[in-house]
Amino acid sequence: TRPNGDITPCCRSRETLGNIKEMTLEEAWNGEKQ
């Protein structure tokens, strides 16, 4: 995660899986991007 709430696959990734304000960790874990 990043301070602004973004969820990412790893700390180096510039692509977000979503934001904690919009989805849960579980939704990010198996979301379309992941």
All heavy atoms as atom14 arrays in JSON, in Angstrom:
{
  "sequence": "TRPNGDITPCCRSRETLGNIKEMTLEEAWNGEKQ",
  "atom14_mask": [
    [1, 1, 1, 1, 1, 1, 1, 0, 0, 0, 0, 0, 0, 0],
    [1, 1, 1, 1, 1, 1, 1, 1, 1, 1, 1, 0, 0, 0],
    [1, 1, 1, 1, 1, 1, 1, 0, 0, 0, 0, 0, 0, 0],
    [1, 1, 1, 1, 1, 1, 1, 1, 0, 0, 0, 0, 0, 0],
    [1, 1, 1, 1, 0, 0, 0, 0, 0, 0, 0, 0, 0, 0],
    [1, 1, 1, 1, 1, 1, 1, 1, 0, 0, 0, 0, 0, 0],
    [1, 1, 1, 1, 1, 1, 1, 1, 0, 0, 0, 0, 0, 0],
    [1, 1, 1, 1, 1, 1, 1, 0, 0, 0, 0, 0, 0, 0],
    [1, 1, 1, 1, 1, 1, 1, 0, 0, 0, 0, 0, 0, 0],
    [1, 1, 1, 1, 1, 1, 0, 0, 0, 0, 0, 0, 0, 0],
    [1, 1, 1, 1, 1, 1, 0, 0, 0, 0, 0, 0, 0, 0],
    [1, 1, 1, 1, 1, 1, 1, 1, 1, 1, 1, 0, 0, 0],
    [1, 1, 1, 1, 1, 1, 0, 0, 0, 0, 0, 0, 0, 0],
    [1, 1, 1, 1, 1, 1, 1, 1, 1, 1, 1, 0, 0, 0],
    [1, 1, 1, 1, 1, 1, 1, 1, 1, 0, 0, 0, 0, 0],
    [1, 1, 1, 1, 1, 1, 1, 0, 0, 0, 0, 0, 0, 0],
    [1, 1, 1, 1, 1, 1, 1, 1, 0, 0, 0, 0, 0, 0],
    [1, 1, 1, 1, 0, 0, 0, 0, 0, 0, 0, 0, 0, 0],
    [1, 1, 1, 1, 1, 1, 1, 1, 0, 0, 0, 0, 0, 0],
    [1, 1, 1, 1, 1, 1, 1, 1, 0, 0, 0, 0, 0, 0],
    [1, 1, 1, 1, 1, 1, 1, 1, 1, 0, 0, 0, 0, 0],
    [1, 1, 1, 1, 1, 1, 1, 1, 1, 0, 0, 0, 0, 0],
    [1, 1, 1, 1, 1, 1, 1, 1, 0, 0, 0, 0, 0, 0],
    [1, 1, 1, 1, 1, 1, 1, 0, 0, 0, 0, 0, 0, 0],
    [1, 1, 1, 1, 1, 1, 1, 1, 0, 0, 0, 0, 0, 0],
    [1, 1, 1, 1, 1, 1, 1, 1, 1, 0, 0, 0, 0, 0],
    [1, 1, 1, 1, 1, 1, 1, 1, 1, 0, 0, 0, 0, 0],
    [1, 1, 1, 1, 1, 0, 0, 0, 0, 0, 0, 0, 0, 0],
    [1, 1, 1, 1, 1, 1, 1, 1, 1, 1, 1, 1, 1, 1],
    [1, 1, 1, 1, 1, 1, 1, 1, 0, 0, 0, 0, 0, 0],
    [1, 1, 1, 1, 0, 0, 0, 0, 0, 0, 0, 0, 0, 0],
    [1, 1, 1, 1, 1, 1, 1, 1, 1, 0, 0, 0, 0, 0],
    [1, 1, 1, 1, 1, 1, 1, 1, 1, 0, 0, 0, 0, 0],
    [1, 1, 1, 1, 1, 1, 1, 1, 1, 0, 0, 0, 0, 0]
  ],
  "atom14_positions": [
    [[0.84, -1.2, 0.0], [0.0, 0.0, 0.0], [0.87, 1.25, 0.0], [2.03, 1.22, 0.39], [-0.93, 0.06, 1.23], [-0.13, 0.21, 2.41], [-1.79, -1.19, 1.33], [0.0, 0.0, 0.0], [0.0, 0.0, 0.0], [0.0, 0.0, 0.0], [0.0, 0.0, 0.0], [0.0, 0.0, 0.0], [0.0, 0.0, 0.0], [0.0, 0.0, 0.0]],
    [[0.27, 2.36, -0.44], [0.92, 3.67, -0.42], [0.16, 4.6, 0.53], [-1.01, 4.36, 0.83], [0.92, 4.27, -1.83], [1.74, 3.5, -2.84], [1.63, 4.14, -4.2], [2.32, 3.37, -5.24], [2.04, 3.44, -6.52], [1.08, 4.25, -6.95], [2.72, 2.7, -7.4], [0.0, 0.0, 0.0], [0.0, 0.0, 0.0], [0.0, 0.0, 0.0]],
    [[0.81, 5.67, 0.96], [0.16, 6.57, 1.92], [-1.18, 7.13, 1.47], [-2.03, 7.43, 2.3], [1.2, 7.69, 2.1], [2.51, 7.03, 1.86], [2.24, 6.04, 0.76], [0.0, 0.0, 0.0], [0.0, 0.0, 0.0], [0.0, 0.0, 0.0], [0.0, 0.0, 0.0], [0.0, 0.0, 0.0], [0.0, 0.0, 0.0], [0.0, 0.0, 0.0]],
    [[-1.38, 7.28, 0.15], [-2.65, 7.85, -0.32], [-3.76, 6.82, -0.42], [-4.87, 7.12, -0.86], [-2.45, 8.52, -1.68], [-2.1, 7.54, -2.78], [-1.86, 6.36, -2.52], [-2.04, 8.02, -4.01], [0.0, 0.0, 0.0], [0.0, 0.0, 0.0], [0.0, 0.0, 0.0], [0.0, 0.0, 0.0], [0.0, 0.0, 0.0], [0.0, 0.0, 0.0]],
    [[-3.47, 5.57, 0.0], [-4.49, 4.53, -0.03], [-4.41, 3.6, -1.21], [-5.15, 2.61, -1.28], [0.0, 0.0, 0.0], [0.0, 0.0, 0.0], [0.0, 0.0, 0.0], [0.0, 0.0, 0.0], [0.0, 0.0, 0.0], [0.0, 0.0, 0.0], [0.0, 0.0, 0.0], [0.0, 0.0, 0.0], [0.0, 0.0, 0.0], [0.0, 0.0, 0.0]],
    [[-3.52, 3.87, -2.16], [-3.37, 2.98, -3.31], [-2.86, 1.61, -2.88], [-2.01, 1.49, -1.99], [-2.4, 3.57, -4.33], [-3.01, 4.71, -5.13], [-4.25, 4.84, -5.12], [-2.25, 5.47, -5.76], [0.0, 0.0, 0.0], [0.0, 0.0, 0.0], [0.0, 0.0, 0.0], [0.0, 0.0, 0.0], [0.0, 0.0, 0.0], [0.0, 0.0, 0.0]],
    [[-3.38, 0.58, -3.52], [-2.94, -0.8, -3.31], [-2.18, -1.24, -4.55], [-2.65, -1.05, -5.68], [-4.15, -1.73, -3.07], [-5.04, -1.18, -1.96], [-3.68, -3.14, -2.73], [-6.38, -1.88, -1.86], [0.0, 0.0, 0.0], [0.0, 0.0, 0.0], [0.0, 0.0, 0.0], [0.0, 0.0, 0.0], [0.0, 0.0, 0.0], [0.0, 0.0, 0.0]],
    [[-0.99, -1.81, -4.38], [-0.15, -2.19, -5.51], [0.38, -3.61, -5.3], [0.41, -4.13, -4.18], [1.05, -1.23, -5.66], [1.88, -1.32, -4.5], [0.58, 0.21, -5.84], [0.0, 0.0, 0.0], [0.0, 0.0, 0.0], [0.0, 0.0, 0.0], [0.0, 0.0, 0.0], [0.0, 0.0, 0.0], [0.0, 0.0, 0.0], [0.0, 0.0, 0.0]],
    [[0.84, -4.25, -6.39], [1.4, -5.61, -6.25], [2.7, -5.64, -5.46], [3.02, -6.63, -4.81], [1.64, -6.05, -7.7], [0.84, -5.12, -8.54], [0.77, -3.83, -7.79], [0.0, 0.0, 0.0], [0.0, 0.0, 0.0], [0.0, 0.0, 0.0], [0.0, 0.0, 0.0], [0.0, 0.0, 0.0], [0.0, 0.0, 0.0], [0.0, 0.0, 0.0]],
    [[3.48, -4.55, -5.54], [4.73, -4.46, -4.8], [5.13, -3.0, -4.69], [4.51, -2.13, -5.3], [5.84, -5.26, -5.5], [6.53, -4.46, -6.96], [0.0, 0.0, 0.0], [0.0, 0.0, 0.0], [0.0, 0.0, 0.0], [0.0, 0.0, 0.0], [0.0, 0.0, 0.0], [0.0, 0.0, 0.0], [0.0, 0.0, 0.0], [0.0, 0.0, 0.0]],
    [[6.18, -2.73, -3.94], [6.57, -1.33, -3.69], [7.12, -0.65, -4.93], [7.14, 0.57, -5.01], [7.6, -1.28, -2.56], [9.16, -2.11, -2.94], [0.0, 0.0, 0.0], [0.0, 0.0, 0.0], [0.0, 0.0, 0.0], [0.0, 0.0, 0.0], [0.0, 0.0, 0.0], [0.0, 0.0, 0.0], [0.0, 0.0, 0.0], [0.0, 0.0, 0.0]],
    [[7.58, -1.42, -5.92], [8.17, -0.82, -7.13], [7.14, -0.52, -8.21], [7.42, 0.23, -9.14], [9.23, -1.77, -7.72], [10.38, -2.08, -6.77], [11.33, -0.91, -6.66], [12.33, -1.12, -5.64], [13.46, -1.79, -5.81], [13.72, -2.35, -6.98], [14.32, -1.92, -4.83], [0.0, 0.0, 0.0], [0.0, 0.0, 0.0], [0.0, 0.0, 0.0]],
    [[5.98, -1.09, -8.1], [4.98, -0.96, -9.15], [4.43, 0.45, -9.24], [4.08, 1.06, -8.23], [3.83, -1.94, -8.9], [2.79, -1.73, -9.84], [0.0, 0.0, 0.0], [0.0, 0.0, 0.0], [0.0, 0.0, 0.0], [0.0, 0.0, 0.0], [0.0, 0.0, 0.0], [0.0, 0.0, 0.0], [0.0, 0.0, 0.0], [0.0, 0.0, 0.0]],
    [[4.35, 0.98, -10.44], [3.72, 2.28, -10.67], [2.24, 2.12, -11.0], [1.51, 3.09, -11.09], [4.44, 3.02, -11.81], [5.87, 3.4, -11.49], [5.91, 4.43, -10.38], [7.26, 4.85, -10.06], [8.01, 4.33, -9.1], [7.53, 3.34, -8.37], [9.22, 4.76, -8.87], [0.0, 0.0, 0.0], [0.0, 0.0, 0.0], [0.0, 0.0, 0.0]],
    [[1.79, 0.89, -11.17], [0.39, 0.61, -11.49], [-0.34, 0.28, -10.19], [0.16, -0.46, -9.34], [0.29, -0.58, -12.44], [-1.11, -0.97, -12.83], [-1.77, 0.03, -13.77], [-1.07, 0.59, -14.62], [-2.99, 0.24, -13.63], [0.0, 0.0, 0.0], [0.0, 0.0, 0.0], [0.0, 0.0, 0.0], [0.0, 0.0, 0.0], [0.0, 0.0, 0.0]],
    [[-1.52, 0.84, -10.01], [-2.3, 0.55, -8.81], [-3.36, -0.51, -9.12], [-3.87, -0.6, -10.24], [-3.0, 1.81, -8.27], [-3.98, 2.25, -9.22], [-1.98, 2.92, -8.03], [0.0, 0.0, 0.0], [0.0, 0.0, 0.0], [0.0, 0.0, 0.0], [0.0, 0.0, 0.0], [0.0, 0.0, 0.0], [0.0, 0.0, 0.0], [0.0, 0.0, 0.0]],
    [[-3.68, -1.29, -8.1], [-4.75, -2.27, -8.21], [-6.09, -1.65, -7.83], [-7.15, -2.2, -8.12], [-4.47, -3.47, -7.31], [-3.14, -4.18, -7.54], [-2.94, -5.29, -6.5], [-3.07, -4.77, -8.95], [0.0, 0.0, 0.0], [0.0, 0.0, 0.0], [0.0, 0.0, 0.0], [0.0, 0.0, 0.0], [0.0, 0.0, 0.0], [0.0, 0.0, 0.0]],
    [[-6.03, -0.51, -7.16], [-7.21, 0.18, -6.68], [-6.83, 1.02, -5.48], [-5.65, 1.18, -5.17], [0.0, 0.0, 0.0], [0.0, 0.0, 0.0], [0.0, 0.0, 0.0], [0.0, 0.0, 0.0], [0.0, 0.0, 0.0], [0.0, 0.0, 0.0], [0.0, 0.0, 0.0], [0.0, 0.0, 0.0], [0.0, 0.0, 0.0], [0.0, 0.0, 0.0]],
    [[-7.81, 1.54, -4.78], [-7.56, 2.37, -3.61], [-8.42, 1.87, -2.45], [-9.55, 1.43, -2.65], [-7.88, 3.84, -3.9], [-7.38, 4.76, -2.81], [-7.99, 4.9, -1.75], [-6.26, 5.43, -3.07], [0.0, 0.0, 0.0], [0.0, 0.0, 0.0], [0.0, 0.0, 0.0], [0.0, 0.0, 0.0], [0.0, 0.0, 0.0], [0.0, 0.0, 0.0]],
    [[-7.87, 1.94, -1.25], [-8.54, 1.42, -0.08], [-9.87, 2.1, 0.18], [-10.77, 1.55, 0.83], [-7.61, 1.54, 1.16], [-8.04, 0.55, 2.24], [-7.56, 2.96, 1.69], [-7.81, -0.89, 1.88], [0.0, 0.0, 0.0], [0.0, 0.0, 0.0], [0.0, 0.0, 0.0], [0.0, 0.0, 0.0], [0.0, 0.0, 0.0], [0.0, 0.0, 0.0]],
    [[-10.05, 3.32, -0.36], [-11.33, 4.02, -0.22], [-12.41, 3.4, -1.1], [-13.6, 3.61, -0.86], [-11.16, 5.5, -0.58], [-10.29, 6.28, 0.38], [-10.21, 7.75, 0.01], [-9.47, 7.95, -1.31], [-9.29, 9.4, -1.63], [0.0, 0.0, 0.0], [0.0, 0.0, 0.0], [0.0, 0.0, 0.0], [0.0, 0.0, 0.0], [0.0, 0.0, 0.0]],
    [[-11.97, 2.64, -2.11], [-12.91, 2.12, -3.1], [-13.07, 0.61, -3.06], [-14.03, 0.06, -3.6], [-12.44, 2.53, -4.5], [-12.3, 4.03, -4.69], [-11.48, 4.39, -5.9], [-10.91, 3.46, -6.52], [-11.39, 5.59, -6.22], [0.0, 0.0, 0.0], [0.0, 0.0, 0.0], [0.0, 0.0, 0.0], [0.0, 0.0, 0.0], [0.0, 0.0, 0.0]],
    [[-12.11, -0.1, -2.45], [-12.18, -1.55, -2.42], [-11.46, -2.1, -1.21], [-10.63, -1.42, -0.59], [-11.56, -2.15, -3.7], [-10.09, -1.85, -3.9], [-9.36, -2.78, -5.29], [-10.41, -2.31, -6.66], [0.0, 0.0, 0.0], [0.0, 0.0, 0.0], [0.0, 0.0, 0.0], [0.0, 0.0, 0.0], [0.0, 0.0, 0.0], [0.0, 0.0, 0.0]],
    [[-11.78, -3.33, -0.87], [-11.1, -4.01, 0.23], [-9.8, -4.65, -0.28], [-9.58, -4.76, -1.49], [-11.99, -5.11, 0.82], [-12.21, -6.12, -0.18], [-13.34, -4.54, 1.27], [0.0, 0.0, 0.0], [0.0, 0.0, 0.0], [0.0, 0.0, 0.0], [0.0, 0.0, 0.0], [0.0, 0.0, 0.0], [0.0, 0.0, 0.0], [0.0, 0.0, 0.0]],
    [[-8.97, -5.09, 0.64], [-7.76, -5.81, 0.25], [-8.1, -7.07, -0.53], [-7.4, -7.43, -1.49], [-6.94, -6.16, 1.49], [-6.28, -5.0, 2.24], [-5.58, -5.51, 3.5], [-5.29, -4.25, 1.36], [0.0, 0.0, 0.0], [0.0, 0.0, 0.0], [0.0, 0.0, 0.0], [0.0, 0.0, 0.0], [0.0, 0.0, 0.0], [0.0, 0.0, 0.0]],
    [[-9.17, -7.76, -0.12], [-9.56, -8.98, -0.83], [-9.98, -8.69, -2.26], [-9.63, -9.44, -3.19], [-10.7, -9.68, -0.09], [-11.1, -11.0, -0.74], [-12.12, -11.78, 0.07], [-12.67, -11.22, 1.04], [-12.39, -12.95, -0.28], [0.0, 0.0, 0.0], [0.0, 0.0, 0.0], [0.0, 0.0, 0.0], [0.0, 0.0, 0.0], [0.0, 0.0, 0.0]],
    [[-10.7, -7.6, -2.47], [-11.11, -7.25, -3.84], [-9.9, -6.91, -4.69], [-9.85, -7.24, -5.88], [-12.09, -6.07, -3.79], [-13.45, -6.45, -3.22], [-14.31, -5.24, -2.91], [-13.77, -4.14, -2.71], [-15.55, -5.4, -2.87], [0.0, 0.0, 0.0], [0.0, 0.0, 0.0], [0.0, 0.0, 0.0], [0.0, 0.0, 0.0], [0.0, 0.0, 0.0]],
    [[-8.9, -6.26, -4.12], [-7.68, -5.95, -4.87], [-6.89, -7.21, -5.18], [-6.29, -7.34, -6.25], [-6.82, -4.97, -4.07], [0.0, 0.0, 0.0], [0.0, 0.0, 0.0], [0.0, 0.0, 0.0], [0.0, 0.0, 0.0], [0.0, 0.0, 0.0], [0.0, 0.0, 0.0], [0.0, 0.0, 0.0], [0.0, 0.0, 0.0], [0.0, 0.0, 0.0]],
    [[-6.87, -8.15, -4.25], [-6.07, -9.36, -4.37], [-6.44, -10.16, -5.62], [-5.57, -10.73, -6.28], [-6.25, -10.21, -3.11], [-5.52, -11.51, -3.09], [-6.06, -12.77, -3.1], [-4.1, -11.7, -3.01], [-5.09, -13.72, -3.05], [-3.86, -13.09, -2.99], [-3.02, -10.83, -2.97], [-2.59, -13.63, -2.92], [-1.74, -11.36, -2.91], [-1.53, -12.74, -2.88]],
    [[-7.71, -10.21, -5.94], [-8.14, -10.95, -7.12], [-8.89, -10.06, -8.11], [-9.73, -10.53, -8.87], [-9.01, -12.15, -6.74], [-8.17, -13.36, -6.37], [-7.23, -13.73, -7.08], [-8.5, -13.98, -5.23], [0.0, 0.0, 0.0], [0.0, 0.0, 0.0], [0.0, 0.0, 0.0], [0.0, 0.0, 0.0], [0.0, 0.0, 0.0], [0.0, 0.0, 0.0]],
    [[-8.55, -8.78, -8.1], [-9.15, -7.87, -9.07], [-8.63, -8.12, -10.47], [-7.67, -8.89, -10.7], [0.0, 0.0, 0.0], [0.0, 0.0, 0.0], [0.0, 0.0, 0.0], [0.0, 0.0, 0.0], [0.0, 0.0, 0.0], [0.0, 0.0, 0.0], [0.0, 0.0, 0.0], [0.0, 0.0, 0.0], [0.0, 0.0, 0.0], [0.0, 0.0, 0.0]],
    [[-9.22, -7.47, -11.43], [-8.88, -7.68, -12.84], [-7.41, -7.4, -13.12], [-6.74, -8.17, -13.84], [-9.76, -6.77, -13.7], [-9.57, -6.94, -15.19], [-10.5, -6.06, -16.01], [-11.57, -5.69, -15.5], [-10.13, -5.73, -17.15], [0.0, 0.0, 0.0], [0.0, 0.0, 0.0], [0.0, 0.0, 0.0], [0.0, 0.0, 0.0], [0.0, 0.0, 0.0]],
    [[-6.86, -6.33, -12.56], [-5.46, -5.98, -12.84], [-4.5, -7.0, -12.25], [-3.5, -7.37, -12.89], [-5.16, -4.58, -12.28], [-5.86, -3.46, -13.01], [-5.48, -2.1, -12.42], [-6.15, -0.96, -13.16], [-5.8, 0.37, -12.57], [0.0, 0.0, 0.0], [0.0, 0.0, 0.0], [0.0, 0.0, 0.0], [0.0, 0.0, 0.0], [0.0, 0.0, 0.0]],
    [[-4.77, -7.45, -11.05], [-3.89, -8.43, -10.41], [-3.94, -9.76, -11.15], [-2.9, -10.41, -11.35], [-4.29, -8.61, -8.95], [-3.39, -9.54, -8.15], [-2.11, -8.88, -7.66], [-1.54, -8.06, -8.37], [-1.68, -9.25, -6.47], [0.0, 0.0, 0.0], [0.0, 0.0, 0.0], [0.0, 0.0, 0.0], [0.0, 0.0, 0.0], [0.0, 0.0, 0.0]]
  ]
}
